[in-house]
Amino acid sequence: MEIFIDSADVKEIQEAWDMGVIDGVTTNPSLAAKTGRNYDETIKEIATIVDGPISAETISLDFEGMMKEATHFAKMHK
């Protein structure tokens, strides 16, 4: 079983990662908005913390937009 933190708070993510209690991160634009930070910048920072899966929700609702965002996000982290 893998444990993912559902957050865009990089301090919270860093603490959980350092404790070794998470395997990855799930985040979305609403969570990033609550932190007052830019979504892309938040994902990039999360990618510097987590050496594991990061699930980033798209903003677009149509297939083409989702694929464009997914390709963009995929370039941020292995």
N, C-alpha and C. Protein backbone atom coordinates (compact mmCIF):
# COMPACT_ATOMS: atom_id res chain seq x y z
N MET A 1 0.83 -1.17 0.00
CA MET A 1 0.00 0.00 0.00
C MET A 1 0.88 1.24 0.00
N GLU A 2 0.47 2.25 -0.76
CA GLU A 2 1.17 3.53 -0.79
C GLU A 2 0.32 4.59 -0.12
N ILE A 3 0.97 5.51 0.56
CA ILE A 3 0.30 6.61 1.24
C ILE A 3 0.66 7.91 0.51
N PHE A 4 -0.37 8.66 0.11
CA PHE A 4 -0.19 9.95 -0.56
C PHE A 4 -0.77 11.04 0.33
N ILE A 5 -0.07 12.16 0.43
CA ILE A 5 -0.62 13.32 1.12
C ILE A 5 -1.38 14.15 0.08
N ASP A 6 -2.54 14.63 0.43
CA ASP A 6 -3.38 15.44 -0.44
C ASP A 6 -3.22 16.89 0.00
N SER A 7 -2.28 17.60 -0.64
CA SER A 7 -1.91 18.93 -0.16
C SER A 7 -1.17 19.71 -1.25
N ALA A 8 -1.13 21.03 -1.06
CA ALA A 8 -0.27 21.90 -1.86
C ALA A 8 0.60 22.75 -0.94
N ASP A 9 0.55 22.44 0.34
CA ASP A 9 1.34 23.15 1.34
C ASP A 9 2.72 22.49 1.39
N VAL A 10 3.71 23.16 0.77
CA VAL A 10 5.03 22.53 0.64
C VAL A 10 5.70 22.29 1.98
N LYS A 11 5.43 23.11 2.97
CA LYS A 11 6.00 22.88 4.31
C LYS A 11 5.44 21.59 4.88
N GLU A 12 4.14 21.41 4.76
CA GLU A 12 3.48 20.19 5.24
C GLU A 12 3.99 18.96 4.49
N ILE A 13 4.15 19.10 3.19
CA ILE A 13 4.66 18.00 2.36
C ILE A 13 6.09 17.66 2.76
N GLN A 14 6.92 18.68 2.95
CA GLN A 14 8.32 18.46 3.34
C GLN A 14 8.39 17.72 4.67
N GLU A 15 7.57 18.14 5.64
CA GLU A 15 7.58 17.48 6.95
C GLU A 15 7.17 16.01 6.84
N ALA A 16 6.11 15.74 6.07
CA ALA A 16 5.65 14.36 5.91
C ALA A 16 6.70 13.52 5.19
N TRP A 17 7.33 14.09 4.18
CA TRP A 17 8.37 13.37 3.43
C TRP A 17 9.57 13.06 4.33
N ASP A 18 9.99 14.07 5.11
CA ASP A 18 11.13 13.89 6.00
C ASP A 18 10.87 12.82 7.06
N MET A 19 9.63 12.69 7.50
CA MET A 19 9.28 11.67 8.48
C MET A 19 9.20 10.28 7.85
N GLY A 20 9.14 10.24 6.52
CA GLY A 20 9.07 8.96 5.83
C GLY A 20 7.69 8.31 5.85
N VAL A 21 6.65 9.12 6.05
CA VAL A 21 5.31 8.56 6.17
C VAL A 21 4.49 8.61 4.87
N ILE A 22 5.05 9.24 3.83
CA ILE A 22 4.32 9.31 2.55
C ILE A 22 5.17 8.75 1.42
N ASP A 23 4.46 8.25 0.40
CA ASP A 23 5.11 7.75 -0.80
C ASP A 23 5.01 8.73 -1.96
N GLY A 24 4.02 9.64 -1.88
CA GLY A 24 3.79 10.58 -2.96
C GLY A 24 2.81 11.66 -2.55
N VAL A 25 2.45 12.49 -3.53
CA VAL A 25 1.58 13.65 -3.29
C VAL A 25 0.48 13.69 -4.33
N THR A 26 -0.70 14.04 -3.87
CA THR A 26 -1.82 14.37 -4.75
C THR A 26 -2.15 15.83 -4.49
N THR A 27 -2.26 16.62 -5.56
CA THR A 27 -2.58 18.04 -5.39
C THR A 27 -3.50 18.50 -6.49
N ASN A 28 -4.05 19.69 -6.31
CA ASN A 28 -4.96 20.24 -7.32
C ASN A 28 -4.96 21.76 -7.22
N PRO A 29 -5.53 22.43 -8.22
CA PRO A 29 -5.53 23.89 -8.24
C PRO A 29 -6.22 24.52 -7.02
N SER A 30 -7.27 23.89 -6.50
CA SER A 30 -7.97 24.44 -5.33
C SER A 30 -7.07 24.44 -4.10
N LEU A 31 -6.32 23.36 -3.92
CA LEU A 31 -5.39 23.30 -2.79
C LEU A 31 -4.29 24.34 -2.93
N ALA A 32 -3.79 24.53 -4.14
CA ALA A 32 -2.75 25.54 -4.38
C ALA A 32 -3.30 26.95 -4.13
N ALA A 33 -4.53 27.20 -4.54
CA ALA A 33 -5.15 28.51 -4.33
C ALA A 33 -5.25 28.83 -2.84
N LYS A 34 -5.51 27.83 -2.03
CA LYS A 34 -5.61 28.04 -0.58
C LYS A 34 -4.28 28.49 0.02
N THR A 35 -3.18 28.15 -0.63
CA THR A 35 -1.86 28.56 -0.14
C THR A 35 -1.47 29.94 -0.67
N GLY A 36 -2.21 30.43 -1.67
CA GLY A 36 -1.91 31.72 -2.27
C GLY A 36 -0.76 31.68 -3.26
N ARG A 37 -0.38 30.47 -3.66
CA ARG A 37 0.76 30.32 -4.57
C ARG A 37 0.31 29.91 -5.96
N ASN A 38 1.17 30.16 -6.94
CA ASN A 38 0.95 29.74 -8.31
C ASN A 38 1.01 28.22 -8.39
N TYR A 39 0.06 27.63 -9.10
CA TYR A 39 -0.04 26.17 -9.19
C TYR A 39 1.21 25.54 -9.79
N ASP A 40 1.68 26.06 -10.91
CA ASP A 40 2.88 25.50 -11.55
C ASP A 40 4.09 25.57 -10.62
N GLU A 41 4.29 26.72 -9.99
CA GLU A 41 5.43 26.87 -9.08
C GLU A 41 5.32 25.91 -7.90
N THR A 42 4.11 25.70 -7.43
CA THR A 42 3.90 24.77 -6.33
C THR A 42 4.27 23.36 -6.74
N ILE A 43 3.83 22.94 -7.91
CA ILE A 43 4.15 21.59 -8.40
C ILE A 43 5.66 21.44 -8.58
N LYS A 44 6.30 22.46 -9.13
CA LYS A 44 7.76 22.40 -9.31
C LYS A 44 8.48 22.25 -7.97
N GLU A 45 8.00 22.97 -6.96
CA GLU A 45 8.64 22.85 -5.65
C GLU A 45 8.38 21.49 -5.02
N ILE A 46 7.16 20.99 -5.16
CA ILE A 46 6.86 19.65 -4.66
C ILE A 46 7.79 18.62 -5.30
N ALA A 47 8.05 18.80 -6.59
CA ALA A 47 8.93 17.87 -7.31
C ALA A 47 10.36 17.90 -6.79
N THR A 48 10.77 18.99 -6.17
CA THR A 48 12.12 19.03 -5.59
C THR A 48 12.17 18.33 -4.23
N ILE A 49 11.01 18.12 -3.64
CA ILE A 49 10.93 17.49 -2.32
C ILE A 49 10.71 15.99 -2.43
N VAL A 50 9.77 15.61 -3.26
CA VAL A 50 9.29 14.23 -3.31
C VAL A 50 9.99 13.43 -4.40
N ASP A 51 10.58 12.32 -4.02
CA ASP A 51 11.16 11.40 -4.99
C ASP A 51 10.19 10.22 -5.11
N GLY A 52 9.03 10.53 -5.62
CA GLY A 52 7.96 9.54 -5.77
C GLY A 52 6.87 10.12 -6.63
N PRO A 53 5.75 9.43 -6.73
CA PRO A 53 4.67 9.89 -7.59
C PRO A 53 4.04 11.20 -7.12
N ILE A 54 3.73 12.05 -8.09
CA ILE A 54 2.99 13.28 -7.83
C ILE A 54 1.80 13.29 -8.78
N SER A 55 0.62 13.38 -8.21
CA SER A 55 -0.60 13.45 -9.00
C SER A 55 -1.08 14.89 -8.99
N ALA A 56 -1.08 15.53 -10.15
CA ALA A 56 -1.50 16.93 -10.27
C ALA A 56 -2.74 17.00 -11.14
N GLU A 57 -3.82 17.49 -10.57
CA GLU A 57 -5.09 17.60 -11.28
C GLU A 57 -5.02 18.75 -12.29
N THR A 58 -5.64 18.54 -13.43
CA THR A 58 -5.68 19.59 -14.46
C THR A 58 -6.79 20.59 -14.15
N ILE A 59 -6.70 21.74 -14.78
CA ILE A 59 -7.72 22.77 -14.68
C ILE A 59 -8.73 22.61 -15.82
N SER A 60 -8.22 22.22 -16.98
CA SER A 60 -9.07 22.06 -18.17
C SER A 60 -10.11 20.97 -17.98
N LEU A 61 -11.22 21.14 -18.65
CA LEU A 61 -12.29 20.15 -18.59
C LEU A 61 -12.44 19.36 -19.89
N ASP A 62 -11.79 19.84 -20.95
CA ASP A 62 -11.87 19.14 -22.23
C ASP A 62 -10.61 18.30 -22.46
N PHE A 63 -10.74 17.26 -23.28
CA PHE A 63 -9.65 16.31 -23.51
C PHE A 63 -8.37 17.00 -23.98
N GLU A 64 -8.48 17.87 -24.98
CA GLU A 64 -7.30 18.52 -25.53
C GLU A 64 -6.57 19.34 -24.48
N GLY A 65 -7.34 20.10 -23.70
CA GLY A 65 -6.74 20.91 -22.66
C GLY A 65 -6.08 20.07 -21.58
N MET A 66 -6.77 18.99 -21.20
CA MET A 66 -6.20 18.08 -20.19
C MET A 66 -4.89 17.47 -20.66
N MET A 67 -4.85 17.06 -21.90
CA MET A 67 -3.63 16.45 -22.44
C MET A 67 -2.49 17.45 -22.51
N LYS A 68 -2.81 18.69 -22.89
CA LYS A 68 -1.78 19.74 -22.94
C LYS A 68 -1.21 19.98 -21.54
N GLU A 69 -2.09 20.09 -20.54
CA GLU A 69 -1.63 20.28 -19.17
C GLU A 69 -0.85 19.07 -18.66
N ALA A 70 -1.34 17.89 -18.96
CA ALA A 70 -0.68 16.66 -18.51
C ALA A 70 0.75 16.59 -19.06
N THR A 71 0.91 16.94 -20.32
CA THR A 71 2.24 16.94 -20.94
C THR A 71 3.14 17.96 -20.24
N HIS A 72 2.58 19.12 -19.96
CA HIS A 72 3.32 20.17 -19.25
C HIS A 72 3.75 19.70 -17.87
N PHE A 73 2.82 19.12 -17.11
CA PHE A 73 3.12 18.63 -15.76
C PHE A 73 4.15 17.50 -15.79
N ALA A 74 4.03 16.63 -16.77
CA ALA A 74 4.93 15.47 -16.86
C ALA A 74 6.39 15.89 -17.03
N LYS A 75 6.62 17.08 -17.58
CA LYS A 75 7.98 17.57 -17.78
C LYS A 75 8.60 18.10 -16.49
N MET A 76 7.78 18.25 -15.44
CA MET A 76 8.26 18.84 -14.19
C MET A 76 8.91 17.83 -13.26
N HIS A 77 8.60 16.55 -13.46
CA HIS A 77 9.08 15.54 -12.52
C HIS A 77 9.13 14.19 -13.21
N LYS A 78 10.16 13.42 -12.93
CA LYS A 78 10.29 12.12 -13.58
C LYS A 78 9.15 11.20 -13.22
